[in-house]
Amino acid sequence: MIVNVWMEIRDTFAWPAEDPEDDSELQAKNREALALAADITTVASLYKQRVQGPRSWVLISLMYADVTQQSLEQAVDKFQDENPGDTDVLGAWYWEYGNEFGTEPTFTEVPNPDYNGDTESPTLPNPDYQPDPELPDYDPNETIRNPAYDGRETLTEIGQSGVPLYPIPGKLSQFMPDDLDNDGNPVPNPTVRDINLLQGQRERYFG
């Protein structure tokens, strides 16, 4: 199975050296652990830094593949034990269904708010279609998707049952980025939510 773990990293963390040959023993261990992270610079920049007094923390996203529950716990514990006080788990989710690590997914059929209740065609004639390729603005697509159509009367809502091994702490909200108002000014939005998902990854469950 694949498990996505969010970790906070304190500014006193032993980041690997620019050249692996210059790594200390701890930096070399951290380099190995961080090899599981999605693009650290990009992902960390999507979230706020958490600041408390003179200290600050960034959020990184680790992807553990082909792990069992036991091996994941051991890997996370090892990373934290080697960096006492510099790392903490902010949450962990299964890749396939997005439920929290240690829980079981639940599936509930709910009404689809976009279902139009009729038999409209899923496609419409393309108003830009020009069947003669010799004429300008030729578009080879004869039909386009009908935005008003949704053939599903219900949607499957994924939840979870059980107790997560790594409950989401309240401090996670401090990493959530601001929204922007109509003038482009930042507006705090502490709602814990998905900011980035890798291709094929299910949305994370936040309760």
N, C-alpha and C. Protein backbone atom coordinates (compact mmCIF):
# COMPACT_ATOMS: atom_id res chain seq x y z
N MET A 1 0.84 -1.19 0.00
CA MET A 1 0.00 0.00 0.00
C MET A 1 0.88 1.24 0.00
N ILE A 2 0.27 2.36 -0.39
CA ILE A 2 0.97 3.65 -0.40
C ILE A 2 0.32 4.53 0.66
N VAL A 3 1.15 5.17 1.48
CA VAL A 3 0.66 6.05 2.53
C VAL A 3 1.36 7.40 2.41
N ASN A 4 0.57 8.46 2.45
CA ASN A 4 1.10 9.83 2.40
C ASN A 4 1.14 10.38 3.82
N VAL A 5 2.32 10.79 4.25
CA VAL A 5 2.51 11.33 5.60
C VAL A 5 2.93 12.78 5.50
N TRP A 6 2.19 13.65 6.20
CA TRP A 6 2.60 15.05 6.32
C TRP A 6 3.41 15.20 7.60
N MET A 7 4.58 15.83 7.46
CA MET A 7 5.44 16.07 8.62
C MET A 7 5.75 17.56 8.70
N GLU A 8 5.86 18.06 9.91
CA GLU A 8 6.39 19.41 10.08
C GLU A 8 7.87 19.29 10.44
N ILE A 9 8.67 20.20 9.85
CA ILE A 9 10.11 20.18 10.06
C ILE A 9 10.53 21.52 10.64
N ARG A 10 11.20 21.48 11.78
CA ARG A 10 11.61 22.71 12.45
C ARG A 10 12.87 23.29 11.81
N ASP A 11 13.08 24.59 12.02
CA ASP A 11 14.21 25.26 11.38
C ASP A 11 15.56 24.81 11.93
N THR A 12 15.56 24.03 13.01
CA THR A 12 16.81 23.49 13.55
C THR A 12 17.12 22.09 13.00
N PHE A 13 16.30 21.63 12.06
CA PHE A 13 16.47 20.30 11.46
C PHE A 13 17.79 20.23 10.69
N ALA A 14 18.40 19.06 10.71
CA ALA A 14 19.67 18.84 10.01
C ALA A 14 19.40 18.49 8.54
N TRP A 15 19.16 19.53 7.73
CA TRP A 15 18.94 19.31 6.30
C TRP A 15 20.22 18.77 5.66
N PRO A 16 20.11 17.89 4.67
CA PRO A 16 21.31 17.38 4.00
C PRO A 16 22.15 18.51 3.40
N ALA A 17 23.44 18.28 3.33
CA ALA A 17 24.35 19.26 2.73
C ALA A 17 24.11 19.32 1.22
N GLU A 18 24.60 20.37 0.61
CA GLU A 18 24.45 20.51 -0.84
C GLU A 18 25.13 19.36 -1.56
N ASP A 19 26.29 18.96 -1.07
CA ASP A 19 27.04 17.84 -1.63
C ASP A 19 26.92 16.67 -0.66
N PRO A 20 26.40 15.51 -1.11
CA PRO A 20 26.25 14.36 -0.21
C PRO A 20 27.54 13.98 0.51
N GLU A 21 28.68 14.26 -0.12
CA GLU A 21 29.95 13.91 0.52
C GLU A 21 30.22 14.75 1.76
N ASP A 22 29.50 15.86 1.88
CA ASP A 22 29.68 16.73 3.04
C ASP A 22 28.69 16.43 4.16
N ASP A 23 27.81 15.44 3.96
CA ASP A 23 26.80 15.11 4.97
C ASP A 23 27.45 14.58 6.24
N SER A 24 26.89 15.03 7.38
CA SER A 24 27.21 14.37 8.64
C SER A 24 26.45 13.05 8.67
N GLU A 25 26.65 12.27 9.70
CA GLU A 25 25.94 10.99 9.80
C GLU A 25 24.43 11.22 9.85
N LEU A 26 24.00 12.24 10.63
CA LEU A 26 22.57 12.54 10.72
C LEU A 26 22.04 13.09 9.41
N GLN A 27 22.78 13.95 8.76
CA GLN A 27 22.34 14.50 7.48
C GLN A 27 22.18 13.39 6.44
N ALA A 28 23.06 12.41 6.47
CA ALA A 28 22.96 11.29 5.53
C ALA A 28 21.70 10.48 5.80
N LYS A 29 21.37 10.27 7.06
CA LYS A 29 20.13 9.56 7.40
C LYS A 29 18.92 10.36 6.95
N ASN A 30 18.96 11.67 7.16
CA ASN A 30 17.84 12.52 6.76
C ASN A 30 17.70 12.58 5.25
N ARG A 31 18.82 12.54 4.56
CA ARG A 31 18.76 12.54 3.09
C ARG A 31 17.99 11.31 2.60
N GLU A 32 18.25 10.18 3.23
CA GLU A 32 17.56 8.95 2.85
C GLU A 32 16.06 9.06 3.13
N ALA A 33 15.70 9.63 4.29
CA ALA A 33 14.29 9.77 4.65
C ALA A 33 13.59 10.75 3.72
N LEU A 34 14.26 11.86 3.40
CA LEU A 34 13.64 12.89 2.57
C LEU A 34 13.55 12.51 1.10
N ALA A 35 14.23 11.42 0.72
CA ALA A 35 14.11 10.94 -0.66
C ALA A 35 12.69 10.51 -0.97
N LEU A 36 11.89 10.27 0.07
CA LEU A 36 10.49 9.86 -0.11
C LEU A 36 9.55 11.06 -0.26
N ALA A 37 10.09 12.25 -0.15
CA ALA A 37 9.25 13.45 -0.17
C ALA A 37 8.92 13.86 -1.60
N ALA A 38 7.67 14.36 -1.77
CA ALA A 38 7.34 15.04 -3.00
C ALA A 38 8.20 16.30 -3.03
N ASP A 39 8.31 16.94 -4.18
CA ASP A 39 9.17 18.11 -4.35
C ASP A 39 9.10 19.02 -3.12
N ILE A 40 10.13 18.96 -2.29
CA ILE A 40 10.09 19.65 -1.00
C ILE A 40 9.93 21.15 -1.17
N THR A 41 10.73 21.75 -2.04
CA THR A 41 10.68 23.20 -2.20
C THR A 41 9.30 23.65 -2.68
N THR A 42 8.76 22.93 -3.68
CA THR A 42 7.46 23.32 -4.23
C THR A 42 6.34 23.12 -3.23
N VAL A 43 6.29 21.94 -2.61
CA VAL A 43 5.21 21.64 -1.67
C VAL A 43 5.26 22.57 -0.46
N ALA A 44 6.44 22.77 0.10
CA ALA A 44 6.55 23.63 1.27
C ALA A 44 6.10 25.05 0.97
N SER A 45 6.34 25.50 -0.26
CA SER A 45 5.97 26.88 -0.62
C SER A 45 4.46 27.05 -0.78
N LEU A 46 3.72 25.94 -0.92
CA LEU A 46 2.27 26.02 -1.07
C LEU A 46 1.58 26.29 0.26
N TYR A 47 2.29 26.02 1.34
CA TYR A 47 1.72 26.17 2.67
C TYR A 47 2.43 27.30 3.42
N LYS A 48 1.76 27.80 4.45
CA LYS A 48 2.40 28.77 5.33
C LYS A 48 3.45 28.06 6.18
N GLN A 49 4.38 28.83 6.68
CA GLN A 49 5.24 28.35 7.75
C GLN A 49 4.50 28.56 9.07
N ARG A 50 4.67 27.60 9.96
CA ARG A 50 4.14 27.78 11.33
C ARG A 50 5.23 28.44 12.15
N VAL A 51 4.87 29.50 12.84
CA VAL A 51 5.85 30.26 13.62
C VAL A 51 5.41 30.31 15.07
N GLN A 52 6.35 30.04 15.95
CA GLN A 52 6.10 30.14 17.39
C GLN A 52 7.37 30.68 18.04
N GLY A 53 7.30 31.93 18.52
CA GLY A 53 8.49 32.56 19.07
C GLY A 53 9.57 32.66 18.02
N PRO A 54 10.80 32.28 18.36
CA PRO A 54 11.89 32.37 17.38
C PRO A 54 11.94 31.18 16.42
N ARG A 55 11.12 30.19 16.63
CA ARG A 55 11.17 28.96 15.84
C ARG A 55 10.13 28.98 14.73
N SER A 56 10.44 28.25 13.64
CA SER A 56 9.49 28.12 12.53
C SER A 56 9.53 26.69 12.01
N TRP A 57 8.43 26.26 11.38
CA TRP A 57 8.30 24.91 10.85
C TRP A 57 7.73 24.97 9.44
N VAL A 58 8.14 24.03 8.59
CA VAL A 58 7.57 23.89 7.26
C VAL A 58 6.91 22.53 7.15
N LEU A 59 5.98 22.41 6.22
CA LEU A 59 5.28 21.15 5.98
C LEU A 59 5.89 20.45 4.79
N ILE A 60 6.21 19.17 4.95
CA ILE A 60 6.67 18.36 3.83
C ILE A 60 5.74 17.15 3.70
N SER A 61 5.68 16.60 2.50
CA SER A 61 4.78 15.50 2.19
C SER A 61 5.60 14.29 1.78
N LEU A 62 5.55 13.23 2.58
CA LEU A 62 6.32 12.01 2.33
C LEU A 62 5.41 10.92 1.77
N MET A 63 5.90 10.19 0.79
CA MET A 63 5.16 9.09 0.17
C MET A 63 5.87 7.77 0.46
N TYR A 64 5.22 6.95 1.27
CA TYR A 64 5.77 5.64 1.61
C TYR A 64 5.05 4.58 0.77
N ALA A 65 5.79 3.92 -0.11
CA ALA A 65 5.20 2.92 -1.00
C ALA A 65 5.55 1.51 -0.51
N ASP A 66 4.65 0.57 -0.82
CA ASP A 66 4.88 -0.85 -0.49
C ASP A 66 5.20 -1.04 1.00
N VAL A 67 4.39 -0.39 1.85
CA VAL A 67 4.60 -0.52 3.29
C VAL A 67 3.43 -1.26 3.92
N THR A 68 3.72 -1.88 5.05
CA THR A 68 2.68 -2.43 5.91
C THR A 68 2.46 -1.43 7.04
N GLN A 69 1.44 -1.65 7.85
CA GLN A 69 1.23 -0.74 8.96
C GLN A 69 2.44 -0.73 9.88
N GLN A 70 3.00 -1.90 10.13
CA GLN A 70 4.15 -2.00 11.03
C GLN A 70 5.37 -1.29 10.45
N SER A 71 5.66 -1.52 9.16
CA SER A 71 6.86 -0.92 8.58
C SER A 71 6.74 0.59 8.46
N LEU A 72 5.52 1.08 8.23
CA LEU A 72 5.35 2.54 8.17
C LEU A 72 5.58 3.15 9.55
N GLU A 73 4.98 2.56 10.57
CA GLU A 73 5.17 3.08 11.93
C GLU A 73 6.65 3.08 12.29
N GLN A 74 7.36 2.02 11.92
CA GLN A 74 8.78 1.94 12.24
C GLN A 74 9.57 3.03 11.53
N ALA A 75 9.23 3.28 10.25
CA ALA A 75 9.94 4.31 9.48
C ALA A 75 9.70 5.70 10.05
N VAL A 76 8.45 5.99 10.40
CA VAL A 76 8.11 7.30 10.95
C VAL A 76 8.76 7.48 12.32
N ASP A 77 8.69 6.45 13.15
CA ASP A 77 9.30 6.53 14.49
C ASP A 77 10.80 6.75 14.37
N LYS A 78 11.42 6.06 13.44
CA LYS A 78 12.88 6.18 13.26
C LYS A 78 13.25 7.61 12.87
N PHE A 79 12.50 8.18 11.93
CA PHE A 79 12.76 9.54 11.48
C PHE A 79 12.63 10.53 12.64
N GLN A 80 11.60 10.34 13.45
CA GLN A 80 11.39 11.25 14.58
C GLN A 80 12.43 11.04 15.69
N ASP A 81 12.76 9.78 15.96
CA ASP A 81 13.75 9.49 17.01
C ASP A 81 15.12 10.06 16.66
N GLU A 82 15.45 10.06 15.38
CA GLU A 82 16.75 10.59 14.95
C GLU A 82 16.78 12.11 14.94
N ASN A 83 15.60 12.72 14.97
CA ASN A 83 15.51 14.19 14.95
C ASN A 83 14.57 14.67 16.06
N PRO A 84 14.93 14.39 17.32
CA PRO A 84 14.02 14.71 18.43
C PRO A 84 13.70 16.21 18.49
N GLY A 85 12.40 16.50 18.52
CA GLY A 85 11.96 17.88 18.61
C GLY A 85 11.92 18.62 17.28
N ASP A 86 12.56 18.06 16.26
CA ASP A 86 12.62 18.75 14.96
C ASP A 86 11.59 18.25 13.96
N THR A 87 10.88 17.17 14.29
CA THR A 87 9.88 16.61 13.38
C THR A 87 8.63 16.23 14.17
N ASP A 88 7.48 16.30 13.49
CA ASP A 88 6.24 15.83 14.10
C ASP A 88 5.26 15.49 12.99
N VAL A 89 4.45 14.47 13.22
CA VAL A 89 3.49 14.03 12.21
C VAL A 89 2.26 14.93 12.27
N LEU A 90 1.83 15.40 11.09
CA LEU A 90 0.63 16.25 10.98
C LEU A 90 -0.57 15.48 10.44
N GLY A 91 -0.35 14.25 10.02
CA GLY A 91 -1.43 13.43 9.47
C GLY A 91 -0.88 12.41 8.51
N ALA A 92 -1.65 11.36 8.26
CA ALA A 92 -1.24 10.32 7.32
C ALA A 92 -2.49 9.74 6.67
N TRP A 93 -2.40 9.50 5.36
CA TRP A 93 -3.57 9.07 4.59
C TRP A 93 -3.18 7.96 3.61
N TYR A 94 -4.12 7.02 3.44
CA TYR A 94 -3.95 6.01 2.40
C TYR A 94 -4.15 6.66 1.03
N TRP A 95 -3.34 6.27 0.10
CA TRP A 95 -3.39 6.82 -1.25
C TRP A 95 -4.69 6.46 -1.95
N GLU A 96 -5.14 5.20 -1.81
CA GLU A 96 -6.23 4.69 -2.64
C GLU A 96 -7.56 5.39 -2.36
N TYR A 97 -7.90 5.59 -1.09
CA TYR A 97 -9.21 6.16 -0.77
C TYR A 97 -9.13 7.46 0.03
N GLY A 98 -7.95 7.85 0.46
CA GLY A 98 -7.80 9.12 1.17
C GLY A 98 -8.18 9.09 2.62
N ASN A 99 -8.58 7.92 3.15
CA ASN A 99 -8.90 7.85 4.58
C ASN A 99 -7.61 7.86 5.40
N GLU A 100 -7.74 8.26 6.66
CA GLU A 100 -6.57 8.38 7.51
C GLU A 100 -5.97 7.02 7.84
N PHE A 101 -4.65 7.02 8.00
CA PHE A 101 -3.91 5.80 8.27
C PHE A 101 -4.40 5.15 9.56
N GLY A 102 -4.74 3.88 9.48
CA GLY A 102 -5.24 3.14 10.63
C GLY A 102 -6.75 2.98 10.64
N THR A 103 -7.43 3.65 9.69
CA THR A 103 -8.89 3.55 9.61
C THR A 103 -9.28 2.71 8.40
N GLU A 104 -10.58 2.40 8.32
CA GLU A 104 -11.13 1.71 7.16
C GLU A 104 -12.01 2.69 6.38
N PRO A 105 -11.97 2.66 5.04
CA PRO A 105 -12.82 3.57 4.27
C PRO A 105 -14.28 3.15 4.32
N THR A 106 -15.16 4.12 4.28
CA THR A 106 -16.59 3.86 4.17
C THR A 106 -17.10 4.52 2.90
N PHE A 107 -18.16 3.96 2.33
CA PHE A 107 -18.67 4.45 1.06
C PHE A 107 -20.17 4.70 1.21
N THR A 108 -20.60 5.92 0.95
CA THR A 108 -22.00 6.30 1.09
C THR A 108 -22.47 6.95 -0.20
N GLU A 109 -23.61 6.49 -0.71
CA GLU A 109 -24.20 7.10 -1.90
C GLU A 109 -25.00 8.33 -1.50
N VAL A 110 -24.67 9.46 -2.09
CA VAL A 110 -25.37 10.71 -1.78
C VAL A 110 -25.90 11.31 -3.08
N PRO A 111 -26.97 12.12 -3.03
CA PRO A 111 -27.51 12.73 -4.25
C PRO A 111 -26.45 13.60 -4.94
N ASN A 112 -26.43 13.55 -6.23
CA ASN A 112 -25.51 14.37 -7.02
C ASN A 112 -26.17 15.73 -7.26
N PRO A 113 -25.62 16.80 -6.70
CA PRO A 113 -26.26 18.11 -6.86
C PRO A 113 -26.26 18.60 -8.30
N ASP A 114 -25.41 18.03 -9.14
CA ASP A 114 -25.35 18.45 -10.54
C ASP A 114 -26.20 17.60 -11.47
N TYR A 115 -26.85 16.58 -10.90
CA TYR A 115 -27.67 15.71 -11.75
C TYR A 115 -28.87 16.48 -12.25
N ASN A 116 -29.09 16.48 -13.56
CA ASN A 116 -30.16 17.31 -14.13
C ASN A 116 -31.49 16.57 -14.23
N GLY A 117 -31.50 15.29 -13.95
CA GLY A 117 -32.75 14.56 -13.89
C GLY A 117 -33.40 14.29 -15.23
N ASP A 118 -32.76 14.60 -16.33
CA ASP A 118 -33.37 14.32 -17.63
C ASP A 118 -32.40 13.52 -18.48
N THR A 119 -32.70 13.42 -19.73
CA THR A 119 -31.90 12.57 -20.61
C THR A 119 -31.13 13.40 -21.63
N GLU A 120 -30.66 14.54 -21.21
CA GLU A 120 -29.85 15.36 -22.11
C GLU A 120 -28.65 14.57 -22.62
N SER A 121 -28.24 14.91 -23.81
CA SER A 121 -27.09 14.24 -24.40
C SER A 121 -25.82 14.67 -23.67
N PRO A 122 -24.88 13.75 -23.50
CA PRO A 122 -23.62 14.13 -22.86
C PRO A 122 -22.75 15.02 -23.76
N THR A 123 -23.12 15.13 -25.02
CA THR A 123 -22.34 15.98 -25.93
C THR A 123 -23.25 16.97 -26.66
N LEU A 124 -22.64 18.01 -27.15
CA LEU A 124 -23.34 19.03 -27.93
C LEU A 124 -22.57 19.26 -29.22
N PRO A 125 -23.26 19.75 -30.27
CA PRO A 125 -22.51 20.14 -31.47
C PRO A 125 -21.52 21.24 -31.13
N ASN A 126 -20.36 21.14 -31.66
CA ASN A 126 -19.32 22.14 -31.42
C ASN A 126 -19.59 23.37 -32.29
N PRO A 127 -19.88 24.52 -31.67
CA PRO A 127 -20.19 25.70 -32.48
C PRO A 127 -18.99 26.19 -33.29
N ASP A 128 -17.80 25.77 -32.91
CA ASP A 128 -16.61 26.19 -33.65
C ASP A 128 -16.18 25.17 -34.70
N TYR A 129 -16.96 24.11 -34.80
CA TYR A 129 -16.58 23.06 -35.75
C TYR A 129 -16.71 23.56 -37.18
N GLN A 130 -15.67 23.34 -37.93
CA GLN A 130 -15.66 23.73 -39.34
C GLN A 130 -15.26 22.50 -40.15
N PRO A 131 -16.25 21.86 -40.80
CA PRO A 131 -15.96 20.58 -41.45
C PRO A 131 -15.04 20.69 -42.67
N ASP A 132 -14.86 21.88 -43.19
CA ASP A 132 -14.00 22.03 -44.37
C ASP A 132 -12.61 22.47 -43.92
N PRO A 133 -11.63 21.60 -44.00
CA PRO A 133 -10.29 21.94 -43.51
C PRO A 133 -9.62 23.04 -44.33
N GLU A 134 -10.19 23.37 -45.49
CA GLU A 134 -9.61 24.43 -46.31
C GLU A 134 -10.02 25.81 -45.82
N LEU A 135 -11.07 25.86 -45.01
CA LEU A 135 -11.53 27.14 -44.50
C LEU A 135 -10.79 27.49 -43.20
N PRO A 136 -10.72 28.79 -42.85
CA PRO A 136 -9.98 29.18 -41.64
C PRO A 136 -10.66 28.69 -40.37
N ASP A 137 -9.86 28.64 -39.29
CA ASP A 137 -10.36 28.23 -37.97
C ASP A 137 -10.93 26.82 -37.98
N TYR A 138 -10.30 25.96 -38.74
CA TYR A 138 -10.76 24.58 -38.79
C TYR A 138 -10.60 23.92 -37.42
N ASP A 139 -11.68 23.28 -36.97
CA ASP A 139 -11.66 22.55 -35.70
C ASP A 139 -12.14 21.14 -35.98
N PRO A 140 -11.30 20.14 -35.76
CA PRO A 140 -11.67 18.76 -36.10
C PRO A 140 -12.65 18.12 -35.11
N ASN A 141 -12.96 18.78 -34.00
CA ASN A 141 -13.84 18.19 -32.99
C ASN A 141 -15.29 18.55 -33.28
N GLU A 142 -16.05 17.57 -33.76
CA GLU A 142 -17.43 17.84 -34.17
C GLU A 142 -18.34 18.08 -32.97
N THR A 143 -18.03 17.45 -31.85
CA THR A 143 -18.87 17.63 -30.66
C THR A 143 -18.00 18.02 -29.47
N ILE A 144 -18.65 18.62 -28.49
CA ILE A 144 -17.99 18.97 -27.24
C ILE A 144 -18.82 18.44 -26.09
N ARG A 145 -18.23 18.36 -24.91
CA ARG A 145 -18.96 17.88 -23.73
C ARG A 145 -20.05 18.89 -23.37
N ASN A 146 -21.22 18.35 -23.03
CA ASN A 146 -22.32 19.19 -22.58
C ASN A 146 -22.11 19.50 -21.10
N PRO A 147 -21.80 20.76 -20.74
CA PRO A 147 -21.50 21.06 -19.34
C PRO A 147 -22.71 20.90 -18.42
N ALA A 148 -23.90 20.86 -18.99
CA ALA A 148 -25.11 20.72 -18.16
C ALA A 148 -25.45 19.26 -17.88
N TYR A 149 -24.68 18.36 -18.48
CA TYR A 149 -25.02 16.94 -18.35
C TYR A 149 -24.18 16.28 -17.26
N ASP A 150 -24.82 15.53 -16.44
CA ASP A 150 -24.13 14.64 -15.52
C ASP A 150 -25.03 13.43 -15.35
N GLY A 151 -24.60 12.31 -15.88
CA GLY A 151 -25.46 11.14 -15.92
C GLY A 151 -25.58 10.39 -14.62
N ARG A 152 -24.88 10.82 -13.59
CA ARG A 152 -24.93 10.08 -12.32
C ARG A 152 -25.94 10.72 -11.38
N GLU A 153 -26.91 9.94 -10.97
CA GLU A 153 -27.92 10.45 -10.04
C GLU A 153 -27.36 10.56 -8.64
N THR A 154 -26.40 9.72 -8.31
CA THR A 154 -25.77 9.76 -6.98
C THR A 154 -24.26 9.78 -7.13
N LEU A 155 -23.59 10.23 -6.09
CA LEU A 155 -22.14 10.21 -6.01
C LEU A 155 -21.73 9.35 -4.82
N THR A 156 -20.54 8.79 -4.90
CA THR A 156 -20.04 7.99 -3.79
C THR A 156 -19.17 8.87 -2.91
N GLU A 157 -19.63 9.07 -1.69
CA GLU A 157 -18.89 9.88 -0.72
C GLU A 157 -18.04 8.95 0.14
N ILE A 158 -16.74 9.22 0.18
CA ILE A 158 -15.83 8.36 0.94
C ILE A 158 -15.56 8.97 2.31
N GLY A 159 -15.78 8.17 3.34
CA GLY A 159 -15.49 8.58 4.70
C GLY A 159 -14.57 7.55 5.35
N GLN A 160 -14.66 7.41 6.63
CA GLN A 160 -13.80 6.44 7.31
C GLN A 160 -14.44 6.01 8.62
N SER A 161 -14.01 4.85 9.08
CA SER A 161 -14.42 4.36 10.39
C SER A 161 -13.17 3.90 11.13
N GLY A 162 -13.23 3.98 12.44
CA GLY A 162 -12.07 3.61 13.24
C GLY A 162 -11.31 4.84 13.71
N VAL A 163 -10.20 4.60 14.39
CA VAL A 163 -9.40 5.67 14.98
C VAL A 163 -8.08 5.79 14.23
N PRO A 164 -7.77 6.95 13.69
CA PRO A 164 -6.49 7.09 12.97
C PRO A 164 -5.30 6.96 13.91
N LEU A 165 -4.25 6.39 13.39
CA LEU A 165 -3.03 6.23 14.20
C LEU A 165 -2.37 7.58 14.45
N TYR A 166 -2.47 8.48 13.48
CA TYR A 166 -1.88 9.81 13.62
C TYR A 166 -3.00 10.85 13.50
N PRO A 167 -3.72 11.12 14.59
CA PRO A 167 -4.80 12.11 14.53
C PRO A 167 -4.28 13.47 14.08
N ILE A 168 -5.10 14.20 13.34
CA ILE A 168 -4.69 15.50 12.84
C ILE A 168 -4.66 16.50 13.99
N PRO A 169 -3.51 17.11 14.26
CA PRO A 169 -3.42 18.07 15.37
C PRO A 169 -3.99 19.43 14.98
N GLY A 170 -4.41 20.19 15.98
CA GLY A 170 -4.97 21.51 15.73
C GLY A 170 -3.99 22.44 15.04
N LYS A 171 -2.69 22.24 15.28
CA LYS A 171 -1.69 23.15 14.69
C LYS A 171 -1.60 23.04 13.18
N LEU A 172 -2.19 21.98 12.59
CA LEU A 172 -2.15 21.86 11.14
C LEU A 172 -2.81 23.06 10.46
N SER A 173 -3.82 23.64 11.10
CA SER A 173 -4.51 24.78 10.49
C SER A 173 -3.58 25.97 10.29
N GLN A 174 -2.50 26.02 11.07
CA GLN A 174 -1.57 27.14 10.95
C GLN A 174 -0.75 27.09 9.66
N PHE A 175 -0.74 25.93 9.01
CA PHE A 175 -0.01 25.79 7.75
C PHE A 175 -0.86 26.14 6.53
N MET A 176 -2.18 26.32 6.73
CA MET A 176 -3.06 26.52 5.59
C MET A 176 -2.85 27.91 4.98
N PRO A 177 -2.70 27.98 3.66
CA PRO A 177 -2.42 29.26 3.01
C PRO A 177 -3.62 30.20 3.02
N ASP A 178 -3.32 31.49 2.86
CA ASP A 178 -4.37 32.49 2.80
C ASP A 178 -5.12 32.41 1.47
N ASP A 179 -6.38 32.84 1.49
CA ASP A 179 -7.10 33.13 0.26
C ASP A 179 -6.78 34.55 -0.16
N LEU A 180 -7.23 34.92 -1.34
CA LEU A 180 -7.05 36.28 -1.82
C LEU A 180 -8.42 36.91 -2.06
N ASP A 181 -8.59 38.16 -1.63
CA ASP A 181 -9.85 38.84 -1.91
C ASP A 181 -9.83 39.40 -3.33
N ASN A 182 -10.87 40.11 -3.70
CA ASN A 182 -10.99 40.61 -5.07
C ASN A 182 -9.88 41.58 -5.46
N ASP A 183 -9.24 42.15 -4.46
CA ASP A 183 -8.16 43.10 -4.73
C ASP A 183 -6.79 42.43 -4.64
N GLY A 184 -6.79 41.12 -4.45
CA GLY A 184 -5.52 40.40 -4.37
C GLY A 184 -4.86 40.44 -3.00
N ASN A 185 -5.59 40.88 -1.99
CA ASN A 185 -5.04 40.94 -0.64
C ASN A 185 -5.27 39.61 0.08
N PRO A 186 -4.30 39.18 0.89
CA PRO A 186 -4.45 37.90 1.59
C PRO A 186 -5.52 37.94 2.66
N VAL A 187 -6.29 36.86 2.70
CA VAL A 187 -7.34 36.71 3.72
C VAL A 187 -7.10 35.36 4.41
N PRO A 188 -6.85 35.34 5.71
CA PRO A 188 -6.58 34.08 6.39
C PRO A 188 -7.69 33.06 6.18
N ASN A 189 -7.31 31.83 5.90
CA ASN A 189 -8.26 30.73 5.77
C ASN A 189 -7.66 29.51 6.47
N PRO A 190 -7.96 29.34 7.77
CA PRO A 190 -7.36 28.25 8.52
C PRO A 190 -8.02 26.89 8.30
N THR A 191 -9.00 26.81 7.41
CA THR A 191 -9.68 25.53 7.16
C THR A 191 -8.67 24.51 6.64
N VAL A 192 -8.57 23.38 7.34
CA VAL A 192 -7.65 22.33 6.91
C VAL A 192 -8.22 21.69 5.64
N ARG A 193 -7.44 21.69 4.58
CA ARG A 193 -7.95 21.29 3.27
C ARG A 193 -6.81 20.84 2.38
N ASP A 194 -7.17 20.18 1.27
CA ASP A 194 -6.17 19.78 0.30
C ASP A 194 -5.67 20.99 -0.47
N ILE A 195 -4.37 21.08 -0.59
CA ILE A 195 -3.76 22.13 -1.40
C ILE A 195 -3.09 21.50 -2.61
N ASN A 196 -2.50 20.35 -2.41
CA ASN A 196 -1.87 19.66 -3.54
C ASN A 196 -2.13 18.16 -3.45
N LEU A 197 -2.37 17.56 -4.61
CA LEU A 197 -2.50 16.11 -4.74
C LEU A 197 -1.66 15.67 -5.91
N LEU A 198 -0.98 14.55 -5.77
CA LEU A 198 -0.24 14.00 -6.89
C LEU A 198 -1.21 13.30 -7.83
N GLN A 199 -0.77 13.12 -9.06
CA GLN A 199 -1.64 12.50 -10.06
C GLN A 199 -2.10 11.12 -9.59
N GLY A 200 -3.41 10.91 -9.56
CA GLY A 200 -3.97 9.64 -9.16
C GLY A 200 -4.25 9.52 -7.67
N GLN A 201 -3.82 10.52 -6.89
CA GLN A 201 -4.03 10.45 -5.44
C GLN A 201 -5.44 10.89 -5.09
N ARG A 202 -6.08 10.14 -4.21
CA ARG A 202 -7.44 10.46 -3.77
C ARG A 202 -7.39 11.63 -2.78
N GLU A 203 -8.45 12.45 -2.78
CA GLU A 203 -8.51 13.55 -1.83
C GLU A 203 -8.42 13.03 -0.40
N ARG A 204 -7.69 13.75 0.42
CA ARG A 204 -7.48 13.35 1.81
C ARG A 204 -8.75 13.62 2.65
N TYR A 205 -8.96 12.75 3.61
CA TYR A 205 -10.13 12.90 4.51
C TYR A 205 -9.69 13.73 5.72
N PHE A 206 -10.39 14.84 5.97
CA PHE A 206 -10.07 15.69 7.11
C PHE A 206 -11.19 15.70 8.15
N GLY A 207 -12.22 14.88 7.95
CA GLY A 207 -13.31 14.81 8.92
C GLY A 207 -14.39 15.83 8.66
